Full PDB file with SEQRES, HELIX, SHEET, SSBOND, CRYST1, ORIGX, SCALE, CONECT and MASTER records, all heavy atoms in Angstrom:
SEQRES   1 A   41  THR PHE GLU GLY TRP GLY THR HIS SER SER ARG ALA ASN          
SEQRES   2 A   41  ILE ASN ALA ALA TYR LEU THR MET ALA ALA GLY ILE GLY          
SEQRES   3 A   41  ILE GLU LYS ALA ASP VAL ASP VAL VAL MET GLU LYS LEU          
SEQRES   4 A   41  ILE GLU                                                      
HELIX    1 AA1 LYS A   29  ILE A   40  1                                  12    
CRYST1    1.000    1.000    1.000  90.00  90.00  90.00 P 1           1          
ORIGX1      1.000000  0.000000  0.000000        0.00000                         
ORIGX2      0.000000  1.000000  0.000000        0.00000                         
ORIGX3      0.000000  0.000000  1.000000        0.00000                         
SCALE1      1.000000  0.000000  0.000000        0.00000                         
SCALE2      0.000000  1.000000  0.000000        0.00000                         
SCALE3      0.000000  0.000000  1.000000        0.00000                         
ATOM      1  N   THR A   1       0.781  -1.182   0.013  1.00  0.00           N  
ATOM      2  CA  THR A   1       0.012  -0.088  -0.018  1.00  0.00           C  
ATOM      3  C   THR A   1       0.891   1.245   0.001  1.00  0.00           C  
ATOM      4  O   THR A   1       1.781   1.393   0.743  1.00  0.00           O  
ATOM      5  CB  THR A   1      -0.923   0.100   1.280  1.00  0.00           C  
ATOM      6  OG1 THR A   1      -1.745  -1.151   1.174  1.00  0.00           O  
ATOM      7  CG2 THR A   1      -1.800   1.241   1.277  1.00  0.00           C  
ATOM      8  N   PHE A   2       0.466   2.151  -0.871  1.00  0.00           N  
ATOM      9  CA  PHE A   2       1.242   3.420  -1.013  1.00  0.00           C  
ATOM     10  C   PHE A   2       0.224   4.520  -0.549  1.00  0.00           C  
ATOM     11  O   PHE A   2      -0.657   4.883  -1.405  1.00  0.00           O  
ATOM     12  CB  PHE A   2       1.767   3.642  -2.410  1.00  0.00           C  
ATOM     13  CG  PHE A   2       2.839   2.627  -2.838  1.00  0.00           C  
ATOM     14  CD1 PHE A   2       2.481   1.308  -3.308  1.00  0.00           C  
ATOM     15  CD2 PHE A   2       4.171   3.007  -2.720  1.00  0.00           C  
ATOM     16  CE1 PHE A   2       3.420   0.549  -3.658  1.00  0.00           C  
ATOM     17  CE2 PHE A   2       5.172   2.079  -3.037  1.00  0.00           C  
ATOM     18  CZ  PHE A   2       4.813   0.871  -3.461  1.00  0.00           C  
ATOM     19  N   GLU A   3       0.565   5.273   0.366  1.00  0.00           N  
ATOM     20  CA  GLU A   3      -0.238   6.463   0.787  1.00  0.00           C  
ATOM     21  C   GLU A   3       0.293   7.668   0.076  1.00  0.00           C  
ATOM     22  O   GLU A   3       1.451   7.917  -0.126  1.00  0.00           O  
ATOM     23  CB  GLU A   3      -0.127   6.699   2.209  1.00  0.00           C  
ATOM     24  CG  GLU A   3      -0.788   5.623   3.150  1.00  0.00           C  
ATOM     25  CD  GLU A   3      -0.614   5.973   4.615  1.00  0.00           C  
ATOM     26  OE1 GLU A   3      -0.119   7.105   5.019  1.00  0.00           O  
ATOM     27  OE2 GLU A   3      -1.069   5.118   5.495  1.00  0.00           O  
ATOM     28  N   GLY A   4      -0.675   8.450  -0.399  1.00  0.00           N  
ATOM     29  CA  GLY A   4      -0.270   9.639  -1.154  1.00  0.00           C  
ATOM     30  C   GLY A   4       0.387   9.342  -2.530  1.00  0.00           C  
ATOM     31  O   GLY A   4       1.437   9.917  -2.887  1.00  0.00           O  
ATOM     32  N   TRP A   5      -0.206   8.259  -3.188  1.00  0.00           N  
ATOM     33  CA  TRP A   5       0.295   7.831  -4.472  1.00  0.00           C  
ATOM     34  C   TRP A   5       0.316   8.987  -5.538  1.00  0.00           C  
ATOM     35  O   TRP A   5      -0.469   9.812  -5.604  1.00  0.00           O  
ATOM     36  CB  TRP A   5      -0.539   6.702  -4.999  1.00  0.00           C  
ATOM     37  CG  TRP A   5      -0.119   6.278  -6.381  1.00  0.00           C  
ATOM     38  CD1 TRP A   5      -0.739   6.568  -7.531  1.00  0.00           C  
ATOM     39  CD2 TRP A   5       0.957   5.426  -6.619  1.00  0.00           C  
ATOM     40  NE1 TRP A   5      -0.042   6.009  -8.517  1.00  0.00           N  
ATOM     41  CE2 TRP A   5       1.093   5.264  -7.995  1.00  0.00           C  
ATOM     42  CE3 TRP A   5       1.954   4.814  -5.891  1.00  0.00           C  
ATOM     43  CZ2 TRP A   5       1.960   4.577  -8.691  1.00  0.00           C  
ATOM     44  CZ3 TRP A   5       2.887   3.999  -6.524  1.00  0.00           C  
ATOM     45  CH2 TRP A   5       2.845   3.823  -7.902  1.00  0.00           C  
ATOM     46  N   GLY A   6       1.456   9.096  -6.165  1.00  0.00           N  
ATOM     47  CA  GLY A   6       1.701  10.048  -7.128  1.00  0.00           C  
ATOM     48  C   GLY A   6       2.618  11.221  -6.595  1.00  0.00           C  
ATOM     49  O   GLY A   6       3.377  11.872  -7.407  1.00  0.00           O  
ATOM     50  N   THR A   7       2.731  11.274  -5.294  1.00  0.00           N  
ATOM     51  CA  THR A   7       3.582  12.374  -4.660  1.00  0.00           C  
ATOM     52  C   THR A   7       4.944  11.776  -4.221  1.00  0.00           C  
ATOM     53  O   THR A   7       5.808  12.486  -3.776  1.00  0.00           O  
ATOM     54  CB  THR A   7       2.923  12.872  -3.414  1.00  0.00           C  
ATOM     55  OG1 THR A   7       2.734  11.916  -2.387  1.00  0.00           O  
ATOM     56  CG2 THR A   7       1.526  13.478  -3.734  1.00  0.00           C  
ATOM     57  N   HIS A   8       5.163  10.432  -4.350  1.00  0.00           N  
ATOM     58  CA  HIS A   8       6.444   9.805  -4.137  1.00  0.00           C  
ATOM     59  C   HIS A   8       6.723   9.691  -2.633  1.00  0.00           C  
ATOM     60  O   HIS A   8       7.836   9.326  -2.262  1.00  0.00           O  
ATOM     61  CB  HIS A   8       7.568  10.490  -4.875  1.00  0.00           C  
ATOM     62  CG  HIS A   8       7.348  10.773  -6.243  1.00  0.00           C  
ATOM     63  ND1 HIS A   8       7.362   9.679  -7.234  1.00  0.00           N  
ATOM     64  CD2 HIS A   8       7.105  11.862  -6.936  1.00  0.00           C  
ATOM     65  CE1 HIS A   8       7.113  10.305  -8.372  1.00  0.00           C  
ATOM     66  NE2 HIS A   8       6.923  11.540  -8.235  1.00  0.00           N  
ATOM     67  N   SER A   9       5.805  10.101  -1.793  1.00  0.00           N  
ATOM     68  CA  SER A   9       6.136  10.126  -0.280  1.00  0.00           C  
ATOM     69  C   SER A   9       4.753  10.223   0.476  1.00  0.00           C  
ATOM     70  O   SER A   9       3.779  10.857   0.033  1.00  0.00           O  
ATOM     71  CB  SER A   9       7.030  11.301   0.011  1.00  0.00           C  
ATOM     72  OG  SER A   9       7.077  11.335   1.445  1.00  0.00           O  
ATOM     73  N   SER A  10       4.660   9.497   1.462  1.00  0.00           N  
ATOM     74  CA  SER A  10       3.542   9.551   2.425  1.00  0.00           C  
ATOM     75  C   SER A  10       3.568  10.843   3.236  1.00  0.00           C  
ATOM     76  O   SER A  10       2.683  11.134   4.066  1.00  0.00           O  
ATOM     77  CB  SER A  10       3.401   8.351   3.373  1.00  0.00           C  
ATOM     78  OG  SER A  10       4.549   8.222   4.157  1.00  0.00           O  
ATOM     79  N   ARG A  11       4.733  11.540   3.205  1.00  0.00           N  
ATOM     80  CA  ARG A  11       5.003  12.673   4.052  1.00  0.00           C  
ATOM     81  C   ARG A  11       5.319  13.979   3.175  1.00  0.00           C  
ATOM     82  O   ARG A  11       6.032  14.811   3.611  1.00  0.00           O  
ATOM     83  CB  ARG A  11       6.279  12.512   4.987  1.00  0.00           C  
ATOM     84  CG  ARG A  11       5.940  11.286   5.896  1.00  0.00           C  
ATOM     85  CD  ARG A  11       7.316  10.936   6.619  1.00  0.00           C  
ATOM     86  NE  ARG A  11       8.273  10.411   5.722  1.00  0.00           N  
ATOM     87  CZ  ARG A  11       9.489  10.169   6.074  1.00  0.00           C  
ATOM     88  NH1 ARG A  11       9.935  10.429   7.439  1.00  0.00           N  
ATOM     89  NH2 ARG A  11      10.452   9.580   5.385  1.00  0.00           N  
ATOM     90  N   ALA A  12       4.676  13.958   1.894  1.00  0.00           N  
ATOM     91  CA  ALA A  12       5.079  15.066   1.096  1.00  0.00           C  
ATOM     92  C   ALA A  12       4.532  16.468   1.509  1.00  0.00           C  
ATOM     93  O   ALA A  12       5.080  17.400   1.216  1.00  0.00           O  
ATOM     94  CB  ALA A  12       4.496  14.726  -0.311  1.00  0.00           C  
ATOM     95  N   ASN A  13       3.478  16.360   2.309  1.00  0.00           N  
ATOM     96  CA  ASN A  13       2.943  17.621   2.901  1.00  0.00           C  
ATOM     97  C   ASN A  13       2.418  18.589   1.762  1.00  0.00           C  
ATOM     98  O   ASN A  13       2.529  19.781   1.871  1.00  0.00           O  
ATOM     99  CB  ASN A  13       3.864  18.392   3.734  1.00  0.00           C  
ATOM    100  CG  ASN A  13       4.218  17.590   5.064  1.00  0.00           C  
ATOM    101  OD1 ASN A  13       3.272  16.894   5.587  1.00  0.00           O  
ATOM    102  ND2 ASN A  13       5.389  17.684   5.447  1.00  0.00           N  
ATOM    103  N   ILE A  14       1.980  18.046   0.630  1.00  0.00           N  
ATOM    104  CA  ILE A  14       1.381  18.818  -0.472  1.00  0.00           C  
ATOM    105  C   ILE A  14      -0.105  18.697  -0.278  1.00  0.00           C  
ATOM    106  O   ILE A  14      -0.662  17.686  -0.682  1.00  0.00           O  
ATOM    107  CB  ILE A  14       1.902  18.378  -1.812  1.00  0.00           C  
ATOM    108  CG1 ILE A  14       3.445  18.423  -1.863  1.00  0.00           C  
ATOM    109  CG2 ILE A  14       1.348  19.194  -2.894  1.00  0.00           C  
ATOM    110  CD1 ILE A  14       4.104  17.862  -3.099  1.00  0.00           C  
ATOM    111  N   ASN A  15      -0.705  19.743   0.187  1.00  0.00           N  
ATOM    112  CA  ASN A  15      -2.199  19.649   0.558  1.00  0.00           C  
ATOM    113  C   ASN A  15      -2.980  19.853  -0.667  1.00  0.00           C  
ATOM    114  O   ASN A  15      -4.180  19.479  -0.786  1.00  0.00           O  
ATOM    115  CB  ASN A  15      -2.462  20.696   1.685  1.00  0.00           C  
ATOM    116  CG  ASN A  15      -1.643  20.295   2.905  1.00  0.00           C  
ATOM    117  OD1 ASN A  15      -1.581  19.226   3.281  1.00  0.00           O  
ATOM    118  ND2 ASN A  15      -1.215  21.357   3.634  1.00  0.00           N  
ATOM    119  N   ALA A  16      -2.465  20.626  -1.706  1.00  0.00           N  
ATOM    120  CA  ALA A  16      -3.286  20.888  -2.871  1.00  0.00           C  
ATOM    121  C   ALA A  16      -2.955  19.942  -3.949  1.00  0.00           C  
ATOM    122  O   ALA A  16      -1.860  19.330  -4.067  1.00  0.00           O  
ATOM    123  CB  ALA A  16      -3.036  22.358  -3.309  1.00  0.00           C  
ATOM    124  N   ALA A  17      -3.876  19.825  -4.878  1.00  0.00           N  
ATOM    125  CA  ALA A  17      -3.614  19.069  -6.072  1.00  0.00           C  
ATOM    126  C   ALA A  17      -2.546  19.789  -6.970  1.00  0.00           C  
ATOM    127  O   ALA A  17      -2.318  20.985  -6.876  1.00  0.00           O  
ATOM    128  CB  ALA A  17      -4.929  18.890  -6.965  1.00  0.00           C  
ATOM    129  N   TYR A  18      -1.725  19.082  -7.768  1.00  0.00           N  
ATOM    130  CA  TYR A  18      -0.754  19.649  -8.527  1.00  0.00           C  
ATOM    131  C   TYR A  18      -0.630  18.974  -9.859  1.00  0.00           C  
ATOM    132  O   TYR A  18      -1.189  17.902 -10.136  1.00  0.00           O  
ATOM    133  CB  TYR A  18       0.631  19.705  -7.830  1.00  0.00           C  
ATOM    134  CG  TYR A  18       1.272  18.396  -7.579  1.00  0.00           C  
ATOM    135  CD1 TYR A  18       2.073  17.750  -8.470  1.00  0.00           C  
ATOM    136  CD2 TYR A  18       1.015  17.774  -6.359  1.00  0.00           C  
ATOM    137  CE1 TYR A  18       2.679  16.663  -8.280  1.00  0.00           C  
ATOM    138  CE2 TYR A  18       1.663  16.546  -6.092  1.00  0.00           C  
ATOM    139  CZ  TYR A  18       2.572  15.961  -7.080  1.00  0.00           C  
ATOM    140  OH  TYR A  18       3.136  14.784  -6.789  1.00  0.00           O  
ATOM    141  N   LEU A  19       0.109  19.640 -10.753  1.00  0.00           N  
ATOM    142  CA  LEU A  19       0.200  19.179 -12.131  1.00  0.00           C  
ATOM    143  C   LEU A  19       1.776  19.061 -12.441  1.00  0.00           C  
ATOM    144  O   LEU A  19       2.540  19.892 -12.014  1.00  0.00           O  
ATOM    145  CB  LEU A  19      -0.382  20.238 -13.071  1.00  0.00           C  
ATOM    146  CG  LEU A  19      -0.420  19.896 -14.627  1.00  0.00           C  
ATOM    147  CD1 LEU A  19      -1.551  18.852 -14.859  1.00  0.00           C  
ATOM    148  CD2 LEU A  19      -0.868  21.184 -15.322  1.00  0.00           C  
ATOM    149  N   THR A  20       2.190  18.036 -13.113  1.00  0.00           N  
ATOM    150  CA  THR A  20       3.477  17.865 -13.614  1.00  0.00           C  
ATOM    151  C   THR A  20       3.632  17.902 -15.047  1.00  0.00           C  
ATOM    152  O   THR A  20       2.726  17.289 -15.795  1.00  0.00           O  
ATOM    153  CB  THR A  20       4.150  16.543 -13.070  1.00  0.00           C  
ATOM    154  OG1 THR A  20       3.602  15.484 -13.585  1.00  0.00           O  
ATOM    155  CG2 THR A  20       3.940  16.493 -11.481  1.00  0.00           C  
ATOM    156  N   MET A  21       4.630  18.487 -15.606  1.00  0.00           N  
ATOM    157  CA  MET A  21       5.020  18.464 -16.999  1.00  0.00           C  
ATOM    158  C   MET A  21       6.506  18.183 -17.087  1.00  0.00           C  
ATOM    159  O   MET A  21       7.261  18.599 -16.239  1.00  0.00           O  
ATOM    160  CB  MET A  21       4.504  19.698 -17.694  1.00  0.00           C  
ATOM    161  CG  MET A  21       3.064  19.841 -17.788  1.00  0.00           C  
ATOM    162  SD  MET A  21       2.525  21.309 -18.761  1.00  0.00           S  
ATOM    163  CE  MET A  21       2.920  22.648 -17.565  1.00  0.00           C  
ATOM    164  N   ALA A  22       6.868  17.688 -18.263  1.00  0.00           N  
ATOM    165  CA  ALA A  22       8.339  17.485 -18.491  1.00  0.00           C  
ATOM    166  C   ALA A  22       8.785  17.907 -19.850  1.00  0.00           C  
ATOM    167  O   ALA A  22       7.966  17.924 -20.808  1.00  0.00           O  
ATOM    168  CB  ALA A  22       8.656  15.899 -18.442  1.00  0.00           C  
ATOM    169  N   ALA A  23      10.079  18.397 -19.903  1.00  0.00           N  
ATOM    170  CA  ALA A  23      10.588  18.801 -21.123  1.00  0.00           C  
ATOM    171  C   ALA A  23      11.506  17.702 -21.621  1.00  0.00           C  
ATOM    172  O   ALA A  23      12.691  17.659 -21.265  1.00  0.00           O  
ATOM    173  CB  ALA A  23      11.335  20.158 -20.975  1.00  0.00           C  
ATOM    174  N   GLY A  24      11.013  16.792 -22.390  1.00  0.00           N  
ATOM    175  CA  GLY A  24      11.735  15.615 -22.903  1.00  0.00           C  
ATOM    176  C   GLY A  24      12.451  16.045 -24.262  1.00  0.00           C  
ATOM    177  O   GLY A  24      12.196  17.093 -24.891  1.00  0.00           O  
ATOM    178  N   ILE A  25      13.498  15.231 -24.545  1.00  0.00           N  
ATOM    179  CA  ILE A  25      14.314  15.511 -25.710  1.00  0.00           C  
ATOM    180  C   ILE A  25      13.356  15.589 -26.962  1.00  0.00           C  
ATOM    181  O   ILE A  25      12.469  14.735 -27.153  1.00  0.00           O  
ATOM    182  CB  ILE A  25      15.425  14.365 -25.937  1.00  0.00           C  
ATOM    183  CG1 ILE A  25      16.464  14.858 -26.884  1.00  0.00           C  
ATOM    184  CG2 ILE A  25      14.851  13.028 -26.242  1.00  0.00           C  
ATOM    185  CD1 ILE A  25      17.760  14.055 -26.906  1.00  0.00           C  
ATOM    186  N   GLY A  26      13.637  16.506 -27.817  1.00  0.00           N  
ATOM    187  CA  GLY A  26      12.838  16.731 -28.959  1.00  0.00           C  
ATOM    188  C   GLY A  26      11.858  17.775 -28.831  1.00  0.00           C  
ATOM    189  O   GLY A  26      11.248  18.222 -29.818  1.00  0.00           O  
ATOM    190  N   ILE A  27      11.577  18.265 -27.651  1.00  0.00           N  
ATOM    191  CA  ILE A  27      10.579  19.329 -27.388  1.00  0.00           C  
ATOM    192  C   ILE A  27      11.068  20.593 -27.918  1.00  0.00           C  
ATOM    193  O   ILE A  27      12.260  20.844 -27.933  1.00  0.00           O  
ATOM    194  CB  ILE A  27      10.123  19.462 -25.877  1.00  0.00           C  
ATOM    195  CG1 ILE A  27       8.984  20.268 -25.701  1.00  0.00           C  
ATOM    196  CG2 ILE A  27      11.414  19.936 -25.125  1.00  0.00           C  
ATOM    197  CD1 ILE A  27       8.529  20.267 -24.208  1.00  0.00           C  
ATOM    198  N   GLU A  28      10.254  21.539 -28.371  1.00  0.00           N  
ATOM    199  CA  GLU A  28      10.586  22.881 -28.910  1.00  0.00           C  
ATOM    200  C   GLU A  28       9.769  23.955 -28.096  1.00  0.00           C  
ATOM    201  O   GLU A  28       8.707  23.679 -27.446  1.00  0.00           O  
ATOM    202  CB  GLU A  28      10.219  22.948 -30.378  1.00  0.00           C  
ATOM    203  CG  GLU A  28      10.956  21.878 -31.210  1.00  0.00           C  
ATOM    204  CD  GLU A  28      10.627  21.897 -32.651  1.00  0.00           C  
ATOM    205  OE1 GLU A  28       9.607  22.658 -32.999  1.00  0.00           O  
ATOM    206  OE2 GLU A  28      11.242  21.210 -33.473  1.00  0.00           O  
ATOM    207  N   LYS A  29      10.268  25.176 -28.147  1.00  0.00           N  
ATOM    208  CA  LYS A  29       9.642  26.305 -27.445  1.00  0.00           C  
ATOM    209  C   LYS A  29       8.203  26.456 -27.947  1.00  0.00           C  
ATOM    210  O   LYS A  29       7.328  26.822 -27.150  1.00  0.00           O  
ATOM    211  CB  LYS A  29      10.474  27.519 -27.644  1.00  0.00           C  
ATOM    212  CG  LYS A  29      11.718  27.622 -26.824  1.00  0.00           C  
ATOM    213  CD  LYS A  29      12.415  29.008 -27.051  1.00  0.00           C  
ATOM    214  CE  LYS A  29      13.590  29.108 -26.042  1.00  0.00           C  
ATOM    215  NZ  LYS A  29      14.285  30.386 -26.084  1.00  0.00           N  
ATOM    216  N   ALA A  30       8.018  26.151 -29.271  1.00  0.00           N  
ATOM    217  CA  ALA A  30       6.592  26.296 -29.712  1.00  0.00           C  
ATOM    218  C   ALA A  30       5.639  25.379 -29.043  1.00  0.00           C  
ATOM    219  O   ALA A  30       4.497  25.699 -28.899  1.00  0.00           O  
ATOM    220  CB  ALA A  30       6.638  26.006 -31.252  1.00  0.00           C  
ATOM    221  N   ASP A  31       6.086  24.140 -28.586  1.00  0.00           N  
ATOM    222  CA  ASP A  31       5.312  23.289 -27.850  1.00  0.00           C  
ATOM    223  C   ASP A  31       4.949  23.907 -26.498  1.00  0.00           C  
ATOM    224  O   ASP A  31       3.677  23.767 -26.063  1.00  0.00           O  
ATOM    225  CB  ASP A  31       5.993  21.891 -27.643  1.00  0.00           C  
ATOM    226  CG  ASP A  31       6.360  21.178 -28.965  1.00  0.00           C  
ATOM    227  OD1 ASP A  31       5.499  21.250 -29.913  1.00  0.00           O  
ATOM    228  OD2 ASP A  31       7.443  20.705 -28.966  1.00  0.00           O  
ATOM    229  N   VAL A  32       5.847  24.528 -25.871  1.00  0.00           N  
ATOM    230  CA  VAL A  32       5.481  25.144 -24.607  1.00  0.00           C  
ATOM    231  C   VAL A  32       4.569  26.192 -24.706  1.00  0.00           C  
ATOM    232  O   VAL A  32       3.641  26.415 -23.849  1.00  0.00           O  
ATOM    233  CB  VAL A  32       6.828  25.708 -23.923  1.00  0.00           C  
ATOM    234  CG1 VAL A  32       6.571  26.403 -22.628  1.00  0.00           C  
ATOM    235  CG2 VAL A  32       7.822  24.570 -23.681  1.00  0.00           C  
ATOM    236  N   ASP A  33       4.664  27.039 -25.858  1.00  0.00           N  
ATOM    237  CA  ASP A  33       3.739  28.075 -26.066  1.00  0.00           C  
ATOM    238  C   ASP A  33       2.275  27.552 -26.233  1.00  0.00           C  
ATOM    239  O   ASP A  33       1.352  28.151 -25.613  1.00  0.00           O  
ATOM    240  CB  ASP A  33       4.110  28.884 -27.274  1.00  0.00           C  
ATOM    241  CG  ASP A  33       5.357  29.686 -27.158  1.00  0.00           C  
ATOM    242  OD1 ASP A  33       5.742  29.951 -25.935  1.00  0.00           O  
ATOM    243  OD2 ASP A  33       6.060  29.951 -28.156  1.00  0.00           O  
ATOM    244  N   VAL A  34       2.079  26.476 -26.989  1.00  0.00           N  
ATOM    245  CA  VAL A  34       0.791  25.842 -27.057  1.00  0.00           C  
ATOM    246  C   VAL A  34       0.313  25.330 -25.764  1.00  0.00           C  
ATOM    247  O   VAL A  34      -0.908  25.478 -25.431  1.00  0.00           O  
ATOM    248  CB  VAL A  34       0.862  24.698 -28.150  1.00  0.00           C  
ATOM    249  CG1 VAL A  34      -0.490  23.985 -28.180  1.00  0.00           C  
ATOM    250  CG2 VAL A  34       1.287  25.204 -29.547  1.00  0.00           C  
ATOM    251  N   VAL A  35       1.147  24.641 -25.038  1.00  0.00           N  
ATOM    252  CA  VAL A  35       0.756  24.140 -23.688  1.00  0.00           C  
ATOM    253  C   VAL A  35       0.322  25.296 -22.765  1.00  0.00           C  
ATOM    254  O   VAL A  35      -0.701  25.156 -22.061  1.00  0.00           O  
ATOM    255  CB  VAL A  35       1.921  23.399 -23.023  1.00  0.00           C  
ATOM    256  CG1 VAL A  35       1.538  22.992 -21.607  1.00  0.00           C  
ATOM    257  CG2 VAL A  35       2.290  22.106 -23.790  1.00  0.00           C  
ATOM    258  N   MET A  36       1.032  26.379 -22.672  1.00  0.00           N  
ATOM    259  CA  MET A  36       0.625  27.378 -21.847  1.00  0.00           C  
ATOM    260  C   MET A  36      -0.721  28.059 -22.204  1.00  0.00           C  
ATOM    261  O   MET A  36      -1.554  28.373 -21.400  1.00  0.00           O  
ATOM    262  CB  MET A  36       1.695  28.512 -21.889  1.00  0.00           C  
ATOM    263  CG  MET A  36       3.011  28.065 -21.280  1.00  0.00           C  
ATOM    264  SD  MET A  36       2.914  27.261 -19.623  1.00  0.00           S  
ATOM    265  CE  MET A  36       2.263  28.717 -18.808  1.00  0.00           C  
ATOM    266  N   GLU A  37      -0.889  28.186 -23.537  1.00  0.00           N  
ATOM    267  CA  GLU A  37      -2.179  28.649 -24.039  1.00  0.00           C  
ATOM    268  C   GLU A  37      -3.376  27.893 -23.620  1.00  0.00           C  
ATOM    269  O   GLU A  37      -4.289  28.300 -23.084  1.00  0.00           O  
ATOM    270  CB  GLU A  37      -2.227  28.729 -25.496  1.00  0.00           C  
ATOM    271  CG  GLU A  37      -3.432  29.187 -26.214  1.00  0.00           C  
ATOM    272  CD  GLU A  37      -3.471  29.210 -27.707  1.00  0.00           C  
ATOM    273  OE1 GLU A  37      -2.369  29.107 -28.290  1.00  0.00           O  
ATOM    274  OE2 GLU A  37      -4.548  29.135 -28.312  1.00  0.00           O  
ATOM    275  N   LYS A  38      -3.137  26.496 -23.745  1.00  0.00           N  
ATOM    276  CA  LYS A  38      -4.209  25.579 -23.379  1.00  0.00           C  
ATOM    277  C   LYS A  38      -4.395  25.526 -21.721  1.00  0.00           C  
ATOM    278  O   LYS A  38      -5.577  25.302 -21.273  1.00  0.00           O  
ATOM    279  CB  LYS A  38      -3.905  24.179 -23.819  1.00  0.00           C  
ATOM    280  CG  LYS A  38      -3.851  24.157 -25.403  1.00  0.00           C  
ATOM    281  CD  LYS A  38      -5.176  24.437 -26.039  1.00  0.00           C  
ATOM    282  CE  LYS A  38      -5.130  24.382 -27.554  1.00  0.00           C  
ATOM    283  NZ  LYS A  38      -6.332  24.749 -28.238  1.00  0.00           N  
ATOM    284  N   LEU A  39      -3.269  25.574 -21.123  1.00  0.00           N  
ATOM    285  CA  LEU A  39      -3.418  25.524 -19.587  1.00  0.00           C  
ATOM    286  C   LEU A  39      -4.134  26.721 -19.135  1.00  0.00           C  
ATOM    287  O   LEU A  39      -4.937  26.618 -18.199  1.00  0.00           O  
ATOM    288  CB  LEU A  39      -1.955  25.478 -19.063  1.00  0.00           C  
ATOM    289  CG  LEU A  39      -1.842  25.433 -17.505  1.00  0.00           C  
ATOM    290  CD1 LEU A  39      -2.663  24.260 -16.896  1.00  0.00           C  
ATOM    291  CD2 LEU A  39      -0.282  25.507 -17.035  1.00  0.00           C  
ATOM    292  N   ILE A  40      -3.831  27.970 -19.589  1.00  0.00           N  
ATOM    293  CA  ILE A  40      -4.558  29.103 -19.159  1.00  0.00           C  
ATOM    294  C   ILE A  40      -5.987  28.879 -19.456  1.00  0.00           C  
ATOM    295  O   ILE A  40      -6.879  29.353 -18.651  1.00  0.00           O  
ATOM    296  CB  ILE A  40      -3.923  30.298 -19.981  1.00  0.00           C  
ATOM    297  CG1 ILE A  40      -2.584  30.645 -19.369  1.00  0.00           C  
ATOM    298  CG2 ILE A  40      -4.867  31.597 -19.678  1.00  0.00           C  
ATOM    299  CD1 ILE A  40      -1.804  31.696 -20.211  1.00  0.00           C  
ATOM    300  N   GLU A  41      -6.402  28.353 -20.594  1.00  0.00           N  
ATOM    301  CA  GLU A  41      -7.787  28.174 -20.935  1.00  0.00           C  
ATOM    302  C   GLU A  41      -8.443  27.294 -19.999  1.00  0.00           C  
ATOM    303  O   GLU A  41      -9.577  27.506 -19.534  1.00  0.00           O  
ATOM    304  CB  GLU A  41      -7.822  27.644 -22.429  1.00  0.00           C  
ATOM    305  CG  GLU A  41      -9.157  27.234 -22.835  1.00  0.00           C  
ATOM    306  CD  GLU A  41      -9.168  26.582 -24.334  1.00  0.00           C  
ATOM    307  OE1 GLU A  41      -8.371  26.988 -25.192  1.00  0.00           O  
ATOM    308  OE2 GLU A  41      -9.961  25.514 -24.499  1.00  0.00           O  
TER     309      GLU A  41                                                      
MASTER        0    0    0    1    0    0    0    6  308    1    0    4          
END                                                                             
């Protein structure tokens, strides 16, 4: 059993929901611009 699954720790003390994103190889600045536009929306 894993408490706080997704946070990598049962003691993470992150009370709010959160979002993760990664900049993997091959990503371009234009991709980030599109992501930010959609995230704001």
